[in-house]
N, C-alpha and C. Protein backbone atom coordinates (compact mmCIF):
# COMPACT_ATOMS: atom_id res chain seq x y z
N ILE A 1 54.73 11.14 -1.43
CA ILE A 1 55.48 11.41 -2.64
C ILE A 1 55.08 10.36 -3.66
N ILE A 2 54.70 10.83 -4.85
CA ILE A 2 54.24 9.95 -5.93
C ILE A 2 55.14 10.17 -7.15
N ASP A 3 55.45 9.10 -7.82
CA ASP A 3 56.24 9.14 -9.06
C ASP A 3 55.27 9.38 -10.21
N LEU A 4 55.31 10.55 -10.85
CA LEU A 4 54.37 10.87 -11.92
C LEU A 4 54.64 10.12 -13.21
N LEU A 5 55.78 9.43 -13.30
CA LEU A 5 56.04 8.58 -14.46
C LEU A 5 55.62 7.14 -14.21
N ASP A 6 55.33 6.80 -12.97
CA ASP A 6 54.84 5.46 -12.62
C ASP A 6 53.92 5.61 -11.41
N LEU A 7 52.62 5.75 -11.68
CA LEU A 7 51.66 6.04 -10.61
C LEU A 7 51.49 4.89 -9.63
N ASN A 8 52.07 3.73 -9.93
CA ASN A 8 52.04 2.61 -8.98
C ASN A 8 53.05 2.80 -7.86
N LYS A 9 54.02 3.71 -8.07
CA LYS A 9 55.03 4.00 -7.05
C LYS A 9 54.53 5.16 -6.19
N THR A 10 54.08 4.84 -4.99
CA THR A 10 53.58 5.86 -4.07
C THR A 10 54.34 5.76 -2.76
N GLN A 11 54.21 6.76 -1.95
CA GLN A 11 54.86 6.81 -0.64
C GLN A 11 56.36 6.57 -0.76
N LEU A 12 56.99 7.22 -1.72
CA LEU A 12 58.44 7.11 -1.89
C LEU A 12 59.15 7.89 -0.79
N SER A 13 60.37 7.52 -0.51
CA SER A 13 61.12 8.12 0.60
C SER A 13 62.19 9.09 0.11
N ILE A 14 62.36 10.17 0.86
CA ILE A 14 63.43 11.12 0.60
C ILE A 14 64.67 10.62 1.33
N ARG A 15 65.77 10.55 0.62
CA ARG A 15 67.04 10.07 1.19
C ARG A 15 68.12 11.12 0.95
N GLU A 16 69.22 10.95 1.64
CA GLU A 16 70.36 11.85 1.43
C GLU A 16 71.64 11.02 1.37
N ASP A 17 72.44 11.32 0.36
CA ASP A 17 73.72 10.66 0.16
C ASP A 17 74.82 11.71 0.34
N PRO A 18 75.87 11.40 1.11
CA PRO A 18 76.92 12.40 1.34
C PRO A 18 77.57 12.91 0.05
N LYS A 19 77.63 12.07 -0.98
CA LYS A 19 78.29 12.48 -2.22
C LYS A 19 77.33 13.13 -3.22
N SER A 20 76.15 12.51 -3.42
CA SER A 20 75.25 13.01 -4.45
C SER A 20 74.13 13.91 -3.94
N GLY A 21 73.95 14.01 -2.62
CA GLY A 21 72.95 14.91 -2.06
C GLY A 21 71.60 14.25 -1.85
N VAL A 22 70.55 15.07 -1.84
CA VAL A 22 69.19 14.62 -1.56
C VAL A 22 68.59 13.99 -2.82
N TYR A 23 67.87 12.89 -2.64
CA TYR A 23 67.22 12.22 -3.77
C TYR A 23 65.98 11.48 -3.27
N ILE A 24 65.14 11.07 -4.21
CA ILE A 24 63.96 10.26 -3.90
C ILE A 24 64.28 8.81 -4.25
N ASP A 25 64.18 7.95 -3.26
CA ASP A 25 64.49 6.53 -3.44
C ASP A 25 63.49 5.88 -4.39
N ASN A 26 63.99 5.12 -5.37
CA ASN A 26 63.19 4.32 -6.29
C ASN A 26 62.38 5.17 -7.28
N LEU A 27 62.77 6.39 -7.53
CA LEU A 27 62.09 7.26 -8.48
C LEU A 27 62.47 6.86 -9.90
N THR A 28 61.52 6.91 -10.81
CA THR A 28 61.77 6.54 -12.21
C THR A 28 62.73 7.54 -12.86
N GLN A 29 63.73 7.03 -13.54
CA GLN A 29 64.66 7.85 -14.31
C GLN A 29 64.63 7.35 -15.74
N VAL A 30 64.52 8.29 -16.70
CA VAL A 30 64.44 7.94 -18.10
C VAL A 30 65.51 8.69 -18.87
N SER A 31 66.26 7.98 -19.70
CA SER A 31 67.26 8.62 -20.56
C SER A 31 66.60 8.99 -21.88
N VAL A 32 66.83 10.21 -22.33
CA VAL A 32 66.34 10.66 -23.63
C VAL A 32 67.51 11.23 -24.41
N THR A 33 67.35 11.28 -25.72
CA THR A 33 68.44 11.77 -26.57
C THR A 33 68.07 13.00 -27.38
N ASN A 34 66.81 13.49 -27.20
CA ASN A 34 66.42 14.69 -27.93
C ASN A 34 65.37 15.47 -27.14
N PRO A 35 65.23 16.75 -27.44
CA PRO A 35 64.30 17.61 -26.69
C PRO A 35 62.84 17.16 -26.77
N SER A 36 62.40 16.63 -27.90
CA SER A 36 60.99 16.25 -28.01
C SER A 36 60.65 15.08 -27.09
N ASP A 37 61.59 14.15 -26.88
CA ASP A 37 61.35 13.05 -25.94
C ASP A 37 61.27 13.58 -24.50
N ALA A 38 62.11 14.56 -24.17
CA ALA A 38 62.07 15.16 -22.83
C ALA A 38 60.74 15.89 -22.62
N LEU A 39 60.29 16.64 -23.62
CA LEU A 39 59.02 17.36 -23.53
C LEU A 39 57.85 16.39 -23.38
N PHE A 40 57.90 15.26 -24.08
CA PHE A 40 56.86 14.24 -23.95
C PHE A 40 56.74 13.77 -22.50
N LEU A 41 57.88 13.53 -21.85
CA LEU A 41 57.86 13.08 -20.45
C LEU A 41 57.30 14.15 -19.52
N VAL A 42 57.67 15.41 -19.76
CA VAL A 42 57.15 16.51 -18.94
C VAL A 42 55.63 16.60 -19.10
N CYS A 43 55.14 16.47 -20.33
CA CYS A 43 53.69 16.50 -20.58
C CYS A 43 52.98 15.32 -19.91
N ARG A 44 53.61 14.17 -19.94
CA ARG A 44 53.04 12.99 -19.28
C ARG A 44 52.92 13.22 -17.77
N CYS A 45 53.93 13.82 -17.18
CA CYS A 45 53.88 14.14 -15.75
C CYS A 45 52.79 15.16 -15.46
N ALA A 46 52.68 16.19 -16.31
CA ALA A 46 51.65 17.21 -16.11
C ALA A 46 50.26 16.59 -16.18
N HIS A 47 50.07 15.64 -17.08
CA HIS A 47 48.79 14.95 -17.20
C HIS A 47 48.48 14.14 -15.94
N ASN A 48 49.50 13.53 -15.34
CA ASN A 48 49.31 12.68 -14.15
C ASN A 48 49.23 13.47 -12.86
N ARG A 49 49.52 14.74 -12.91
CA ARG A 49 49.52 15.57 -11.71
C ARG A 49 48.10 15.73 -11.17
N MET A 50 47.99 15.82 -9.84
CA MET A 50 46.68 16.00 -9.20
C MET A 50 46.18 17.41 -9.50
N LYS A 51 44.95 17.49 -10.04
CA LYS A 51 44.34 18.77 -10.38
C LYS A 51 42.88 18.74 -9.91
N GLY A 52 42.32 19.91 -9.71
CA GLY A 52 40.92 19.99 -9.35
C GLY A 52 40.39 21.39 -9.58
N ALA A 53 39.09 21.50 -9.76
CA ALA A 53 38.46 22.80 -10.00
C ALA A 53 38.10 23.48 -8.68
N THR A 54 38.26 24.81 -8.67
CA THR A 54 37.79 25.64 -7.56
C THR A 54 37.02 26.81 -8.20
N HIS A 55 36.40 27.66 -7.37
CA HIS A 55 35.70 28.83 -7.92
C HIS A 55 36.68 29.80 -8.58
N MET A 56 37.94 29.74 -8.19
CA MET A 56 38.93 30.69 -8.72
C MET A 56 39.63 30.16 -9.97
N ASN A 57 39.75 28.84 -10.11
CA ASN A 57 40.45 28.24 -11.24
C ASN A 57 39.71 26.99 -11.71
N GLN A 58 39.53 26.88 -13.02
CA GLN A 58 38.90 25.68 -13.58
C GLN A 58 39.79 24.46 -13.36
N ILE A 59 41.11 24.66 -13.58
CA ILE A 59 42.07 23.58 -13.35
C ILE A 59 43.13 24.12 -12.40
N SER A 60 43.06 23.70 -11.16
CA SER A 60 43.98 24.17 -10.13
C SER A 60 44.89 23.02 -9.71
N SER A 61 46.20 23.26 -9.73
CA SER A 61 47.12 22.21 -9.29
C SER A 61 46.93 21.98 -7.80
N ARG A 62 46.89 20.72 -7.43
CA ARG A 62 46.67 20.35 -6.03
C ARG A 62 47.90 19.66 -5.45
N SER A 63 49.01 19.75 -6.16
CA SER A 63 50.24 19.10 -5.69
C SER A 63 51.45 19.90 -6.17
N HIS A 64 52.53 19.76 -5.45
CA HIS A 64 53.79 20.36 -5.88
C HIS A 64 54.47 19.39 -6.85
N VAL A 65 55.27 19.93 -7.76
CA VAL A 65 56.00 19.09 -8.70
C VAL A 65 57.45 19.56 -8.75
N VAL A 66 58.37 18.60 -8.74
CA VAL A 66 59.80 18.88 -8.91
C VAL A 66 60.30 18.03 -10.07
N ILE A 67 60.91 18.69 -11.05
CA ILE A 67 61.49 17.99 -12.20
C ILE A 67 62.98 18.24 -12.19
N LEU A 68 63.76 17.18 -12.24
CA LEU A 68 65.21 17.29 -12.36
C LEU A 68 65.60 16.84 -13.75
N LEU A 69 66.18 17.74 -14.50
CA LEU A 69 66.62 17.43 -15.85
C LEU A 69 68.14 17.45 -15.84
N VAL A 70 68.74 16.29 -16.03
CA VAL A 70 70.20 16.17 -16.05
C VAL A 70 70.64 16.14 -17.51
N VAL A 71 71.49 17.09 -17.88
CA VAL A 71 71.97 17.19 -19.25
C VAL A 71 73.45 16.83 -19.26
N GLU A 72 73.81 15.90 -20.13
CA GLU A 72 75.22 15.50 -20.26
C GLU A 72 75.68 15.68 -21.70
N GLN A 73 76.88 16.18 -21.82
CA GLN A 73 77.53 16.28 -23.13
C GLN A 73 78.77 15.41 -23.06
N ARG A 74 78.86 14.49 -23.99
CA ARG A 74 80.02 13.59 -24.04
C ARG A 74 80.81 13.87 -25.31
N THR A 75 82.10 14.14 -25.12
CA THR A 75 82.99 14.39 -26.25
C THR A 75 84.03 13.28 -26.27
N PHE A 76 84.09 12.59 -27.40
CA PHE A 76 85.06 11.51 -27.53
C PHE A 76 86.33 12.07 -28.16
N ILE A 77 87.43 11.91 -27.43
CA ILE A 77 88.73 12.41 -27.88
C ILE A 77 89.60 11.22 -28.28
N PRO A 78 90.07 11.21 -29.51
CA PRO A 78 90.91 10.09 -29.95
C PRO A 78 92.12 9.91 -29.02
N GLY A 79 92.35 8.67 -28.64
CA GLY A 79 93.48 8.35 -27.77
C GLY A 79 93.20 8.50 -26.29
N ALA A 80 92.10 9.14 -25.92
CA ALA A 80 91.76 9.30 -24.49
C ALA A 80 91.13 8.01 -23.98
N PRO A 81 91.29 7.71 -22.68
CA PRO A 81 90.76 6.46 -22.14
C PRO A 81 89.23 6.42 -22.11
N GLY A 82 88.60 7.57 -22.18
CA GLY A 82 87.13 7.63 -22.16
C GLY A 82 86.68 9.00 -22.61
N PRO A 83 85.38 9.20 -22.70
CA PRO A 83 84.89 10.50 -23.16
C PRO A 83 85.05 11.59 -22.09
N SER A 84 85.14 12.81 -22.56
CA SER A 84 85.09 13.97 -21.67
C SER A 84 83.60 14.25 -21.43
N VAL A 85 83.20 14.39 -20.17
CA VAL A 85 81.78 14.55 -19.86
C VAL A 85 81.56 15.87 -19.13
N LYS A 86 80.63 16.67 -19.67
CA LYS A 86 80.16 17.88 -18.99
C LYS A 86 78.73 17.60 -18.57
N ARG A 87 78.40 17.97 -17.33
CA ARG A 87 77.09 17.63 -16.78
C ARG A 87 76.49 18.84 -16.09
N ALA A 88 75.19 19.05 -16.30
CA ALA A 88 74.46 20.12 -15.63
C ALA A 88 73.11 19.58 -15.18
N VAL A 89 72.58 20.14 -14.10
CA VAL A 89 71.28 19.73 -13.60
C VAL A 89 70.37 20.96 -13.55
N LEU A 90 69.23 20.86 -14.22
CA LEU A 90 68.22 21.91 -14.19
C LEU A 90 67.09 21.42 -13.30
N THR A 91 66.77 22.19 -12.27
CA THR A 91 65.69 21.84 -11.36
C THR A 91 64.53 22.80 -11.58
N VAL A 92 63.36 22.24 -11.89
CA VAL A 92 62.16 23.03 -12.11
C VAL A 92 61.18 22.68 -11.01
N VAL A 93 60.66 23.70 -10.31
CA VAL A 93 59.72 23.49 -9.22
C VAL A 93 58.43 24.26 -9.52
N ASP A 94 57.30 23.58 -9.44
CA ASP A 94 56.00 24.22 -9.60
C ASP A 94 55.20 23.90 -8.35
N LEU A 95 54.88 24.95 -7.60
CA LEU A 95 54.15 24.75 -6.35
C LEU A 95 52.65 24.76 -6.59
N ALA A 96 51.94 23.99 -5.79
CA ALA A 96 50.49 23.91 -5.92
C ALA A 96 49.86 25.27 -5.65
N GLY A 97 48.70 25.50 -6.26
CA GLY A 97 47.97 26.74 -6.02
C GLY A 97 47.49 26.80 -4.58
N SER A 98 47.52 28.00 -4.02
CA SER A 98 47.08 28.15 -2.62
C SER A 98 46.07 29.29 -2.52
N GLU A 99 44.90 29.11 -3.15
CA GLU A 99 43.87 30.13 -3.12
C GLU A 99 43.28 30.23 -1.71
N ARG A 100 42.75 31.39 -1.40
CA ARG A 100 42.06 31.54 -0.12
C ARG A 100 40.81 30.66 -0.11
N VAL A 101 40.62 29.95 0.97
CA VAL A 101 39.51 28.99 1.06
C VAL A 101 38.17 29.68 0.84
N GLY A 102 37.98 30.85 1.44
CA GLY A 102 36.71 31.56 1.30
C GLY A 102 36.41 31.95 -0.14
N LYS A 103 37.42 32.38 -0.87
CA LYS A 103 37.23 32.79 -2.26
C LYS A 103 37.14 31.61 -3.21
N SER A 104 37.85 30.53 -2.90
CA SER A 104 37.88 29.38 -3.82
C SER A 104 36.64 28.51 -3.71
N GLY A 105 35.93 28.60 -2.58
CA GLY A 105 34.75 27.76 -2.39
C GLY A 105 35.11 26.31 -2.16
N SER A 106 36.30 26.05 -1.69
CA SER A 106 36.75 24.67 -1.49
C SER A 106 35.94 23.98 -0.40
N GLU A 107 35.54 22.75 -0.69
CA GLU A 107 34.81 21.92 0.26
C GLU A 107 35.31 20.50 0.15
N GLY A 108 35.07 19.72 1.17
CA GLY A 108 35.41 18.29 1.14
C GLY A 108 36.87 18.04 0.85
N LYS A 109 37.12 17.26 -0.21
CA LYS A 109 38.49 16.87 -0.57
C LYS A 109 39.34 18.10 -0.91
N ARG A 110 38.77 19.06 -1.66
CA ARG A 110 39.51 20.28 -2.03
C ARG A 110 39.90 21.08 -0.78
N LEU A 111 39.01 21.13 0.21
CA LEU A 111 39.32 21.84 1.46
C LEU A 111 40.45 21.13 2.20
N ASP A 112 40.41 19.80 2.24
CA ASP A 112 41.47 19.04 2.91
C ASP A 112 42.82 19.28 2.22
N GLU A 113 42.82 19.33 0.86
CA GLU A 113 44.04 19.60 0.13
C GLU A 113 44.57 21.00 0.44
N ALA A 114 43.66 21.97 0.48
CA ALA A 114 44.06 23.36 0.73
C ALA A 114 44.72 23.52 2.09
N LYS A 115 44.32 22.73 3.04
CA LYS A 115 44.88 22.81 4.39
C LYS A 115 46.37 22.41 4.42
N VAL A 116 46.78 21.52 3.52
CA VAL A 116 48.17 21.03 3.56
C VAL A 116 49.06 21.66 2.49
N ILE A 117 48.50 22.54 1.64
CA ILE A 117 49.30 23.20 0.62
C ILE A 117 50.06 24.36 1.25
């Protein structure tokens, strides 16, 4: 498991918390306040994603990607002890391409990747 926002973080561990559920330990989390900042981060991750050419695709994804987008709305109510918070989580999953080895012409590293996709 690799953190696409910090490529120095590799071999991260999957953990489970009874209250918050499954998560990746030590994964980079970034707070943004507008859609263009969120899109910039998604593009940065796409750029860092493992890709490679095969006979079937010029740019073929060689890794799975999971993006968790947590959206919070905070409403401040006069006289209340704190803000009212509404929270939603959008999970986006993009699975690596799994072309047939014979048709893709995969060899060497690409063949090794295809075996584990």
